[in-house]
Amino acid sequence: MSKDSVEAQKKFAEKNRLNFKLLADADADVIAKYGVGLAFGIAKRQSFLIDSKGKIAKFYDSVSPAKHAGQVAKDLAEVS
């Protein structure tokens, strides 16, 4: 989820040839409910792994884009 607009998310997904949808939260309503801080109007790069019951299984406070997908895949296998 990003504070970017739907249109910005769509362009990013197309540019990077993503095969999944990105979520937009331009008003930061959901971002605020998860307690993610904003710095100069930009949401901190944090992630939440949500289990099949809708509970937060893992919180990633500091995300490195280069390594994050692999870490989430590993954690997802443990949660499932």
N, C-alpha and C. Protein backbone atom coordinates (compact mmCIF):
# COMPACT_ATOMS: atom_id res chain seq x y z
N MET A 1 0.85 -1.16 0.00
CA MET A 1 0.00 0.00 0.00
C MET A 1 0.89 1.22 0.00
N SER A 2 0.46 2.20 -0.71
CA SER A 2 1.23 3.42 -0.85
C SER A 2 0.33 4.63 -0.70
N LYS A 3 0.89 5.72 -0.27
CA LYS A 3 0.15 6.98 -0.20
C LYS A 3 0.03 7.61 -1.59
N ASP A 4 0.65 7.02 -2.57
CA ASP A 4 0.53 7.50 -3.95
C ASP A 4 -0.89 7.31 -4.46
N SER A 5 -1.22 8.02 -5.51
CA SER A 5 -2.55 7.92 -6.12
C SER A 5 -2.71 6.59 -6.87
N VAL A 6 -3.95 6.27 -7.18
CA VAL A 6 -4.24 5.07 -7.97
C VAL A 6 -3.51 5.15 -9.31
N GLU A 7 -3.56 6.32 -9.93
CA GLU A 7 -2.91 6.50 -11.24
C GLU A 7 -1.39 6.30 -11.12
N ALA A 8 -0.77 6.83 -10.07
CA ALA A 8 0.68 6.65 -9.87
C ALA A 8 1.02 5.18 -9.65
N GLN A 9 0.18 4.47 -8.91
CA GLN A 9 0.41 3.04 -8.68
C GLN A 9 0.29 2.26 -9.99
N LYS A 10 -0.69 2.63 -10.79
CA LYS A 10 -0.90 1.96 -12.07
C LYS A 10 0.32 2.15 -12.98
N LYS A 11 0.82 3.39 -13.07
CA LYS A 11 1.99 3.67 -13.90
C LYS A 11 3.21 2.91 -13.39
N PHE A 12 3.40 2.87 -12.07
CA PHE A 12 4.53 2.15 -11.50
C PHE A 12 4.45 0.66 -11.84
N ALA A 13 3.26 0.08 -11.70
CA ALA A 13 3.06 -1.34 -12.00
C ALA A 13 3.34 -1.64 -13.46
N GLU A 14 2.87 -0.78 -14.35
CA GLU A 14 3.10 -0.98 -15.78
C GLU A 14 4.59 -0.85 -16.10
N LYS A 15 5.22 0.18 -15.58
CA LYS A 15 6.65 0.41 -15.84
C LYS A 15 7.50 -0.77 -15.39
N ASN A 16 7.14 -1.36 -14.26
CA ASN A 16 7.92 -2.46 -13.68
C ASN A 16 7.36 -3.83 -14.02
N ARG A 17 6.36 -3.84 -14.90
CA ARG A 17 5.75 -5.10 -15.38
C ARG A 17 5.33 -6.02 -14.23
N LEU A 18 4.67 -5.44 -13.24
CA LEU A 18 4.21 -6.23 -12.10
C LEU A 18 2.97 -7.01 -12.50
N ASN A 19 2.87 -8.23 -11.99
CA ASN A 19 1.73 -9.08 -12.33
C ASN A 19 0.75 -9.18 -11.15
N PHE A 20 0.75 -8.16 -10.31
CA PHE A 20 -0.18 -8.09 -9.19
C PHE A 20 -0.59 -6.63 -8.99
N LYS A 21 -1.69 -6.44 -8.31
CA LYS A 21 -2.21 -5.09 -8.09
C LYS A 21 -1.51 -4.44 -6.90
N LEU A 22 -1.35 -3.14 -7.00
CA LEU A 22 -0.83 -2.34 -5.90
C LEU A 22 -1.98 -1.55 -5.30
N LEU A 23 -1.94 -1.37 -4.02
CA LEU A 23 -3.00 -0.63 -3.33
C LEU A 23 -2.59 0.81 -3.11
N ALA A 24 -3.53 1.71 -3.30
CA ALA A 24 -3.29 3.13 -3.08
C ALA A 24 -4.11 3.61 -1.89
N ASP A 25 -3.53 4.46 -1.08
CA ASP A 25 -4.19 5.05 0.08
C ASP A 25 -3.83 6.53 0.12
N ALA A 26 -4.26 7.26 -0.91
CA ALA A 26 -3.86 8.65 -1.08
C ALA A 26 -4.23 9.53 0.11
N ASP A 27 -5.31 9.20 0.80
CA ASP A 27 -5.72 9.98 1.98
C ASP A 27 -5.03 9.51 3.25
N ALA A 28 -4.27 8.43 3.17
CA ALA A 28 -3.52 7.85 4.30
C ALA A 28 -4.42 7.35 5.43
N ASP A 29 -5.66 7.00 5.12
CA ASP A 29 -6.57 6.49 6.15
C ASP A 29 -6.10 5.15 6.71
N VAL A 30 -5.82 4.20 5.84
CA VAL A 30 -5.37 2.87 6.27
C VAL A 30 -3.96 2.96 6.85
N ILE A 31 -3.12 3.76 6.24
CA ILE A 31 -1.75 3.94 6.72
C ILE A 31 -1.78 4.39 8.18
N ALA A 32 -2.65 5.34 8.50
CA ALA A 32 -2.76 5.84 9.87
C ALA A 32 -3.28 4.76 10.82
N LYS A 33 -4.23 3.95 10.36
CA LYS A 33 -4.79 2.89 11.22
C LYS A 33 -3.75 1.84 11.58
N TYR A 34 -2.77 1.64 10.72
CA TYR A 34 -1.69 0.70 11.01
C TYR A 34 -0.56 1.37 11.79
N GLY A 35 -0.67 2.65 12.03
CA GLY A 35 0.33 3.35 12.83
C GLY A 35 1.63 3.66 12.11
N VAL A 36 1.58 3.66 10.79
CA VAL A 36 2.78 3.96 10.01
C VAL A 36 3.00 5.47 10.03
N GLY A 37 4.19 5.88 10.37
CA GLY A 37 4.49 7.30 10.45
C GLY A 37 4.69 7.93 9.09
N LEU A 38 4.45 9.22 9.05
CA LEU A 38 4.67 9.99 7.84
C LEU A 38 5.81 10.98 8.09
N ALA A 39 6.68 11.12 7.11
CA ALA A 39 7.75 12.11 7.17
C ALA A 39 7.61 12.99 5.94
N PHE A 40 7.31 14.24 6.15
CA PHE A 40 7.12 15.18 5.05
C PHE A 40 6.04 14.70 4.09
N GLY A 41 4.99 14.07 4.64
CA GLY A 41 3.87 13.60 3.83
C GLY A 41 4.09 12.27 3.14
N ILE A 42 5.24 11.65 3.38
CA ILE A 42 5.56 10.36 2.76
C ILE A 42 5.54 9.28 3.85
N ALA A 43 4.86 8.18 3.59
CA ALA A 43 4.78 7.09 4.56
C ALA A 43 6.14 6.39 4.67
N LYS A 44 6.47 6.01 5.91
CA LYS A 44 7.69 5.22 6.11
C LYS A 44 7.56 3.91 5.36
N ARG A 45 8.67 3.35 4.95
CA ARG A 45 8.66 2.08 4.23
C ARG A 45 8.62 0.96 5.26
N GLN A 46 7.43 0.50 5.54
CA GLN A 46 7.20 -0.59 6.49
C GLN A 46 6.24 -1.58 5.84
N SER A 47 6.29 -2.83 6.31
CA SER A 47 5.40 -3.86 5.77
C SER A 47 4.79 -4.68 6.89
N PHE A 48 3.63 -5.24 6.57
CA PHE A 48 2.92 -6.12 7.49
C PHE A 48 2.58 -7.40 6.74
N LEU A 49 2.87 -8.53 7.33
CA LEU A 49 2.45 -9.82 6.77
C LEU A 49 1.18 -10.22 7.52
N ILE A 50 0.08 -10.33 6.80
CA ILE A 50 -1.22 -10.63 7.39
C ILE A 50 -1.54 -12.11 7.16
N ASP A 51 -1.89 -12.82 8.23
CA ASP A 51 -2.17 -14.25 8.08
C ASP A 51 -3.59 -14.48 7.56
N SER A 52 -3.95 -15.74 7.37
CA SER A 52 -5.25 -16.08 6.78
C SER A 52 -6.43 -15.70 7.68
N LYS A 53 -6.18 -15.42 8.95
CA LYS A 53 -7.23 -15.00 9.88
C LYS A 53 -7.32 -13.49 9.99
N GLY A 54 -6.49 -12.79 9.20
CA GLY A 54 -6.52 -11.34 9.21
C GLY A 54 -5.70 -10.70 10.32
N LYS A 55 -4.86 -11.47 10.96
CA LYS A 55 -4.00 -10.98 12.04
C LYS A 55 -2.61 -10.66 11.50
N ILE A 56 -1.97 -9.69 12.11
CA ILE A 56 -0.60 -9.35 11.72
C ILE A 56 0.33 -10.45 12.23
N ALA A 57 0.93 -11.17 11.29
CA ALA A 57 1.84 -12.27 11.64
C ALA A 57 3.27 -11.77 11.79
N LYS A 58 3.61 -10.71 11.04
CA LYS A 58 4.98 -10.20 11.08
C LYS A 58 4.95 -8.73 10.69
N PHE A 59 5.77 -7.95 11.39
CA PHE A 59 5.90 -6.53 11.11
C PHE A 59 7.34 -6.27 10.71
N TYR A 60 7.52 -5.60 9.60
CA TYR A 60 8.86 -5.26 9.10
C TYR A 60 9.02 -3.74 9.25
N ASP A 61 9.81 -3.33 10.20
CA ASP A 61 9.94 -1.91 10.52
C ASP A 61 10.80 -1.16 9.53
N SER A 62 11.77 -1.81 8.98
CA SER A 62 12.68 -1.16 8.03
C SER A 62 12.84 -2.09 6.83
N VAL A 63 12.41 -1.63 5.68
CA VAL A 63 12.35 -2.48 4.50
C VAL A 63 13.42 -2.09 3.49
N SER A 64 14.19 -3.08 3.05
CA SER A 64 15.15 -2.89 1.97
C SER A 64 14.51 -3.48 0.71
N PRO A 65 14.16 -2.65 -0.27
CA PRO A 65 13.50 -3.17 -1.47
C PRO A 65 14.24 -4.33 -2.14
N ALA A 66 15.55 -4.32 -2.11
CA ALA A 66 16.33 -5.37 -2.77
C ALA A 66 16.20 -6.73 -2.07
N LYS A 67 15.94 -6.73 -0.77
CA LYS A 67 15.93 -7.97 -0.01
C LYS A 67 14.54 -8.36 0.51
N HIS A 68 13.61 -7.44 0.48
CA HIS A 68 12.35 -7.64 1.18
C HIS A 68 11.50 -8.79 0.63
N ALA A 69 11.40 -8.91 -0.67
CA ALA A 69 10.55 -9.96 -1.26
C ALA A 69 11.00 -11.35 -0.82
N GLY A 70 12.30 -11.58 -0.79
CA GLY A 70 12.81 -12.88 -0.35
C GLY A 70 12.50 -13.16 1.11
N GLN A 71 12.62 -12.13 1.95
CA GLN A 71 12.31 -12.29 3.37
C GLN A 71 10.84 -12.58 3.58
N VAL A 72 9.97 -11.86 2.87
CA VAL A 72 8.55 -12.08 3.00
C VAL A 72 8.17 -13.49 2.52
N ALA A 73 8.74 -13.93 1.42
CA ALA A 73 8.47 -15.28 0.90
C ALA A 73 8.84 -16.34 1.93
N LYS A 74 9.99 -16.17 2.58
CA LYS A 74 10.42 -17.11 3.61
C LYS A 74 9.45 -17.09 4.79
N ASP A 75 9.09 -15.91 5.23
CA ASP A 75 8.18 -15.78 6.37
C ASP A 75 6.79 -16.29 6.03
N LEU A 76 6.34 -16.06 4.81
CA LEU A 76 5.03 -16.53 4.37
C LEU A 76 4.94 -18.05 4.43
N ALA A 77 6.02 -18.71 4.06
CA ALA A 77 6.04 -20.18 4.12
C ALA A 77 5.90 -20.67 5.56
N GLU A 78 6.43 -19.92 6.50
CA GLU A 78 6.33 -20.30 7.91
C GLU A 78 4.94 -20.00 8.48
N VAL A 79 4.28 -18.95 7.98
CA VAL A 79 2.98 -18.57 8.46
C VAL A 79 1.88 -19.48 7.92
N SER A 80 2.02 -19.90 6.67
CA SER A 80 1.00 -20.71 6.00
C SER A 80 0.85 -22.08 6.61
